[in-house]
Protein backbone atom coordinates (compact mmCIF):
# COMPACT_ATOMS: atom_id res chain seq x y z
CA MET A 1 20.79 33.04 -2.71
CA PHE A 2 19.99 34.75 0.60
CA ASP A 3 16.55 33.94 2.01
CA SER A 4 14.22 36.81 1.03
CA SER A 5 11.47 35.55 3.32
CA LEU A 6 13.34 36.39 6.55
CA ASP A 7 11.13 37.15 9.50
CA ALA A 8 11.80 39.84 12.08
CA LYS A 9 13.30 37.39 14.58
CA ARG A 10 15.90 36.17 12.10
CA TRP A 11 16.85 39.74 11.16
CA ARG A 12 17.37 40.57 14.85
CA ARG A 13 19.63 37.56 15.22
CA LEU A 14 21.63 38.64 12.19
CA PHE A 15 21.94 42.15 13.57
CA LEU A 16 23.41 40.89 16.85
CA LEU A 17 25.68 38.52 14.96
CA TYR A 18 26.87 41.47 12.86
CA LYS A 19 27.56 43.51 15.99
CA LEU A 20 29.58 40.62 17.41
CA ALA A 21 31.49 40.43 14.12
CA GLU A 22 32.29 44.16 14.46
CA MET A 23 33.90 43.28 17.79
CA GLY A 24 36.06 40.63 16.10
CA ALA A 25 34.05 37.51 16.98
CA CYS A 26 34.51 36.01 13.50
CA ASP A 27 38.30 35.86 14.00
CA ARG A 28 38.76 35.23 17.71
CA VAL A 29 37.05 34.79 21.04
CA VAL A 30 35.77 38.13 22.35
CA LYS A 31 34.86 38.96 25.93
CA THR A 32 31.76 41.07 26.49
CA SER A 33 28.72 41.46 28.71
CA THR A 34 25.00 41.48 28.03
CA GLU A 35 24.90 45.05 29.32
CA TYR A 36 27.47 46.17 26.75
CA LEU A 37 25.78 44.25 23.93
CA ALA A 38 22.43 45.77 24.88
CA GLN A 39 23.93 49.24 24.42
CA ARG A 40 25.34 48.27 21.01
CA ILE A 41 22.03 46.98 19.67
CA GLY A 42 19.80 49.56 21.42
CA ALA A 43 17.84 47.01 23.44
CA SER A 44 17.39 45.94 27.04
CA GLN A 45 19.88 43.70 28.81
CA GLN A 46 17.25 40.96 29.02
CA THR A 47 16.67 41.17 25.25
CA ALA A 48 20.39 40.98 24.51
CA SER A 49 20.67 37.94 26.76
CA ARG A 50 17.74 36.25 25.03
CA TYR A 51 19.24 36.88 21.57
CA LEU A 52 22.58 35.42 22.66
CA ILE A 53 20.78 32.29 23.82
CA GLU A 54 19.02 32.10 20.42
CA LEU A 55 22.30 32.54 18.51
CA GLU A 56 23.84 29.74 20.51
CA ARG A 57 20.80 27.52 20.06
CA VAL A 58 20.82 27.88 16.25
CA GLY A 59 24.55 27.20 16.18
CA TRP A 60 25.79 30.63 15.05
CA ILE A 61 28.01 31.25 18.08
CA LYS A 62 29.79 29.38 20.85
CA ARG A 63 29.51 30.98 24.26
CA LYS A 64 31.07 30.47 27.65
CA ILE A 65 29.94 32.41 30.72
CA THR A 66 32.64 33.42 33.19
CA ARG A 67 32.82 35.76 36.17
CA GLU A 68 34.44 38.42 33.98
CA GLY A 69 31.81 38.19 31.25
CA CYS A 70 30.74 36.16 28.20
CA LEU A 71 33.37 34.62 25.94
CA ILE A 72 31.92 34.46 22.45
CA LYS A 73 33.17 33.19 19.10
CA ALA A 74 31.19 33.00 15.85
CA THR A 75 30.95 29.47 14.46
CA GLU A 76 31.52 28.48 10.86
CA ALA A 77 27.73 28.47 10.42
CA GLY A 78 27.50 31.99 11.82
CA VAL A 79 30.23 33.30 9.53
CA SER A 80 28.47 31.65 6.59
CA GLU A 81 25.24 33.50 7.45
CA LEU A 82 27.06 36.83 7.37
CA LYS A 83 28.73 35.95 4.08
CA ARG A 84 25.36 35.08 2.57
CA LEU A 85 23.96 38.41 3.72
CA HIS A 86 26.97 40.21 2.25
CA SER A 87 26.54 38.40 -1.06
CA SER A 88 22.84 39.25 -1.21
CA LEU A 89 23.44 42.93 -0.42
CA SER A 90 26.19 43.08 -3.04
CA LYS A 91 23.80 41.72 -5.67
CA VAL A 92 21.22 44.35 -4.78
CA LEU A 93 23.65 47.28 -4.67
CA GLU A 94 25.86 46.32 -7.60
CA SER A 95 23.36 44.68 -9.93
CA LYS A 96 22.91 46.14 -13.39
CA VAL A 97 19.38 44.75 -13.46
CA PRO A 98 16.68 47.12 -12.10
CA GLN A 99 15.27 46.20 -8.71
CA PRO A 100 11.59 45.17 -8.47
CA ILE A 101 8.97 47.83 -7.92
CA THR A 102 5.65 47.60 -6.10
CA LEU A 103 2.55 49.10 -7.67
CA GLU A 104 -0.80 49.58 -5.92
CA GLY A 105 -3.97 49.91 -7.91
CA GLN A 106 -7.73 49.80 -7.53
CA VAL A 107 -9.68 46.88 -8.95
CA PHE A 108 -12.15 47.75 -11.67
CA THR A 109 -14.24 45.89 -14.22
CA GLY A 110 -12.80 46.19 -17.71
CA PHE A 111 -14.13 45.72 -21.21
CA GLY A 112 -13.46 41.97 -21.33
CA GLU A 113 -10.47 42.47 -23.63
CA GLY A 114 -8.23 40.43 -21.35
CA ALA A 115 -10.38 37.32 -21.57
CA TYR A 116 -10.66 37.70 -25.34
CA TYR A 117 -6.93 38.00 -25.99
CA VAL A 118 -5.72 35.53 -23.38
CA SER A 119 -8.02 32.90 -24.88
CA LYS A 120 -6.18 33.11 -28.23
CA GLU A 121 -4.03 30.01 -28.50
CA HIS A 122 -1.14 31.86 -30.16
CA TYR A 123 -0.86 34.09 -27.09
CA ARG A 124 -1.60 31.31 -24.59
CA ARG A 125 1.21 29.19 -25.98
CA GLN A 126 3.68 32.02 -25.51
CA PHE A 127 2.42 32.70 -21.99
CA ARG A 128 2.95 29.04 -21.07
CA GLU A 129 6.41 28.91 -22.62
CA LYS A 130 7.71 32.30 -21.51
CA LEU A 131 5.92 32.87 -18.19
CA GLY A 132 5.91 29.28 -16.98
CA PHE A 133 2.17 29.02 -16.32
CA ASP A 134 -1.12 28.67 -18.17
CA PRO A 135 -3.04 31.88 -17.40
CA TYR A 136 -6.62 32.04 -16.26
CA PRO A 137 -8.65 33.28 -19.28
CA GLY A 138 -8.92 36.88 -18.17
CA THR A 139 -6.95 39.64 -16.50
CA LEU A 140 -7.30 41.50 -13.22
CA ASN A 141 -7.56 45.19 -14.06
CA LEU A 142 -5.96 47.69 -11.69
CA LYS A 143 -6.17 51.48 -11.90
CA LEU A 144 -3.15 53.40 -10.57
CA THR A 145 -4.40 56.48 -8.77
CA SER A 146 -1.41 58.05 -7.00
CA GLU A 147 1.35 60.10 -8.61
CA TYR A 148 3.87 57.84 -6.92
CA ASP A 149 2.46 54.71 -8.58
CA LEU A 150 2.19 56.46 -11.94
CA MET A 151 5.85 57.48 -11.66
CA LEU A 152 6.85 53.87 -10.93
CA ARG A 153 4.70 52.68 -13.82
CA ARG A 154 6.72 54.88 -16.17
CA GLU A 155 9.92 53.31 -14.84
CA LEU A 156 8.69 49.95 -16.14
CA ASP A 157 9.26 51.12 -19.70
CA SER A 158 13.01 50.84 -19.03
CA PHE A 159 12.76 47.31 -17.54
CA PRO A 160 13.84 44.28 -19.60
CA ALA A 161 10.56 42.69 -20.71
CA ILE A 162 9.30 39.31 -21.87
CA GLU A 163 8.23 39.90 -25.45
CA ILE A 164 4.93 38.44 -26.67
CA LYS A 165 4.70 38.25 -30.46
CA GLY A 166 1.54 39.14 -32.33
CA PHE A 167 0.06 37.21 -35.22
CA ARG A 168 -2.34 37.48 -38.11
CA ASN A 169 -5.25 35.35 -39.27
CA GLU A 170 -7.87 35.69 -41.97
CA ALA A 171 -9.92 38.14 -39.91
CA ARG A 172 -7.39 40.56 -38.44
CA THR A 173 -3.93 41.34 -37.09
CA TYR A 174 -3.15 40.86 -33.38
CA GLY A 175 -0.46 43.07 -31.94
CA ASP A 176 2.65 42.43 -29.89
CA GLY A 177 2.83 42.79 -26.12
CA ARG A 178 5.27 42.66 -23.27
CA CYS A 179 5.13 41.05 -19.84
CA TYR A 180 6.89 41.35 -16.51
CA PRO A 181 6.94 38.63 -13.83
CA ALA A 182 4.98 39.66 -10.74
CA ILE A 183 3.80 38.61 -7.31
CA ILE A 184 0.24 39.59 -6.54
CA ALA A 185 -0.81 40.50 -2.98
CA ASN A 186 2.16 38.52 -1.61
CA LYS A 187 0.24 35.33 -2.44
CA PHE A 188 0.33 34.42 -6.12
CA LYS A 189 2.94 34.42 -8.84
CA GLY A 190 1.81 35.90 -12.12
CA ALA A 191 2.70 38.67 -14.55
CA ILE A 192 1.53 42.04 -15.72
CA VAL A 193 0.95 42.38 -19.42
CA PHE A 194 0.94 45.47 -21.64
CA ALA A 195 -0.61 45.14 -25.06
CA MET A 196 0.60 47.30 -27.91
CA ARG A 197 -3.03 47.94 -28.83
CA THR A 198 -5.32 48.71 -25.92
CA HIS A 199 -8.13 51.03 -24.94
CA TYR A 200 -6.43 51.76 -21.62
CA ASP A 201 -3.93 54.51 -20.84
CA ASP A 202 -0.75 54.15 -18.77
CA SER A 203 -2.66 54.35 -15.50
CA VAL A 204 -4.02 50.82 -15.99
CA ILE A 205 -2.17 47.55 -15.50
CA GLU A 206 -3.55 44.14 -16.43
CA VAL A 207 -2.52 41.19 -14.31
CA LEU A 208 -2.21 37.58 -15.45
CA ALA A 209 -2.14 34.60 -13.09
CA PRO A 210 -2.77 30.86 -13.27
CA VAL A 211 -5.77 31.35 -10.96
CA TYR A 212 -8.89 33.51 -10.88
CA LEU A 213 -7.51 36.34 -8.78
CA ARG A 214 -10.82 38.05 -8.06
CA GLY A 215 -12.14 34.84 -6.57
CA LYS A 216 -9.00 33.72 -4.77
CA LEU A 217 -8.43 37.13 -3.17
CA LYS A 218 -12.18 37.86 -2.73
CA LEU A 219 -11.84 41.17 -4.55
CA LYS A 220 -14.49 43.72 -5.44
CA ASP A 221 -14.30 46.86 -7.55
CA GLY A 222 -12.61 49.69 -5.67
CA GLN A 223 -10.43 47.49 -3.48
CA LYS A 224 -6.67 48.04 -3.65
CA VAL A 225 -4.14 45.37 -4.59
CA ARG A 226 -0.36 45.51 -4.49
CA VAL A 227 1.69 43.92 -7.23
CA GLU A 228 5.45 43.45 -7.01
CA VAL A 229 6.88 43.65 -10.53
CA TYR A 230 10.23 42.19 -11.62
CA PRO A 231 12.42 42.74 -14.68
CA ALA A 232 12.49 39.88 -17.16
CA GLY A 233 15.18 37.38 -16.31
CA SER A 234 15.30 38.15 -12.60
CA GLU A 235 14.49 35.61 -9.89
CA THR A 236 11.19 36.01 -8.10
CA PRO A 237 10.90 34.78 -4.49
CA GLU A 238 8.69 31.89 -3.52
CA VAL A 239 5.22 32.67 -2.17
């Protein structure tokens, strides 16, 4: 899969490589100048020259400087980079699985329901098996305050979910729930969980993680946190 953690420098290199491919550099040697390339990428001549040096250094092109201009040909490694980008874009544009959404909510202190339910071994066992981690005994509560975030929250109802089955003991019946893999504040993998029985409305999301998020992120009530939410079965990037 294409590297989702690309930095700005790598994207710039790919953009120049793409522009060279437009000129035919994947199939043959093309003759150009840094001045002409600068016009094609909307940058200075010095910047275009620096990017060409970087592309050559990482092995994506071969370059020969002549009096008439630069002779450039994309290497096998360079062509492979473009093919990987094409494959990744095709997956995004043609996928039948919904793309992840990012929700932003304000931290608030809840009723302690999260700690109570997460501590139940029947639920914990399912979290370990289905989410791939043993959750901290509690949830981070986030209140969605913008219409945009509330709209995205409603979209989640159409996402494939990880089903959490309820159970019954001598005292009471515990309801079902559903989870979605998530990345919290670009730092921790976790999940958001929606219980079938809850005192909260749709403006609240509860976040599970294998760590104490309030402590790890040094959060206080009122602070905002972003959570990237994925459909069940999709691949989440490394953090």
